[in-house]
């Protein structure tokens, strides 16, 4: 099974809907049991509940929603 490689880490603002293109996401230290709502590249809206800090979630997505995401601003990063 092939795993994605990540070349960069980018802050995803959670105080507004944010669009971009990421291969995955991770919540930084100090935040856990939070929710992250995203739109996958296939156009499906998905909410990950009780996300664990410092764990890589390797799912490609192009939008992170403000509504439905409970991670503090500056604590969510997109992986490319």
Protein backbone atom coordinates (compact mmCIF):
# COMPACT_ATOMS: atom_id res chain seq x y z
CA UNK A 1 0.00 0.00 0.00
CA UNK A 2 1.41 3.38 -0.99
CA UNK A 3 1.27 6.23 1.49
CA UNK A 4 1.22 9.90 0.42
CA UNK A 5 4.36 11.98 0.82
CA UNK A 6 4.07 15.44 2.32
CA UNK A 7 6.38 18.24 1.20
CA UNK A 8 4.84 21.15 3.06
CA UNK A 9 2.66 22.08 6.02
CA UNK A 10 0.26 25.03 5.69
CA UNK A 11 -1.90 26.70 8.34
CA UNK A 12 -5.63 26.32 7.59
CA UNK A 13 -7.61 29.19 9.15
CA UNK A 14 -10.68 27.88 10.99
CA UNK A 15 -12.33 31.25 11.60
CA UNK A 16 -13.75 31.20 8.03
CA UNK A 17 -14.43 28.69 5.26
CA UNK A 18 -11.06 28.02 3.61
CA UNK A 19 -10.47 26.63 0.14
CA UNK A 20 -7.26 25.05 -1.13
CA UNK A 21 -5.94 21.65 -2.09
CA UNK A 22 -4.43 19.38 0.54
CA UNK A 23 -3.42 15.70 0.75
CA UNK A 24 -4.24 15.46 4.44
CA UNK A 25 -4.55 17.34 7.71
CA UNK A 26 -3.35 17.31 11.28
CA UNK A 27 -4.29 19.13 14.49
CA UNK A 28 -1.35 20.55 16.43
CA UNK A 29 -0.57 19.95 20.12
CA UNK A 30 -2.96 21.33 22.70
CA UNK A 31 -6.10 20.46 20.76
CA UNK A 32 -7.79 17.07 20.85
CA UNK A 33 -11.23 15.53 20.63
CA UNK A 34 -12.14 18.25 18.14
CA UNK A 35 -14.22 18.09 14.95
CA UNK A 36 -13.00 18.91 11.43
CA UNK A 37 -15.50 19.36 8.59
CA UNK A 38 -14.08 19.16 5.06
CA UNK A 39 -15.14 18.69 1.45
CA UNK A 40 -13.31 15.84 -0.31
CA UNK A 41 -12.04 16.14 -3.88
CA UNK A 42 -15.11 14.12 -4.91
CA UNK A 43 -17.42 16.83 -3.52
CA UNK A 44 -18.53 14.92 -0.41
CA UNK A 45 -18.82 16.84 2.88
CA UNK A 46 -17.34 14.81 5.75
CA UNK A 47 -17.01 15.61 9.46
CA UNK A 48 -14.25 13.88 11.40
CA UNK A 49 -15.26 13.72 15.07
CA UNK A 50 -12.96 13.44 18.08
CA UNK A 51 -9.82 14.05 16.00
CA UNK A 52 -6.64 13.23 17.91
CA UNK A 53 -3.85 15.83 18.03
CA UNK A 54 -0.57 15.09 16.18
CA UNK A 55 -2.19 12.35 14.10
CA UNK A 56 -2.04 12.56 10.30
CA UNK A 57 -5.39 12.12 8.55
CA UNK A 58 -4.40 11.25 4.95
CA UNK A 59 -7.50 12.34 3.03
CA UNK A 60 -7.37 14.68 0.04
CA UNK A 61 -9.70 17.67 0.32
CA UNK A 62 -10.24 21.13 -1.10
CA UNK A 63 -12.33 22.93 1.51
CA UNK A 64 -12.39 23.24 5.30
CA UNK A 65 -15.58 24.59 6.83
CA UNK A 66 -15.80 27.06 9.69
CA UNK A 67 -19.21 25.71 10.70
CA UNK A 68 -18.70 22.16 11.96
CA UNK A 69 -14.97 22.61 12.69
CA UNK A 70 -14.22 23.07 16.40
CA UNK A 71 -10.41 23.35 16.19
CA UNK A 72 -9.00 26.66 17.39
CA UNK A 73 -7.66 29.05 14.78
CA UNK A 74 -3.95 28.38 14.13
CA UNK A 75 -4.12 24.77 15.30
CA UNK A 76 -5.16 23.02 12.05
CA UNK A 77 -2.61 22.37 9.31
CA UNK A 78 -2.98 21.06 5.78
CA UNK A 79 -0.37 18.69 4.40
CA UNK A 80 0.82 18.85 0.79
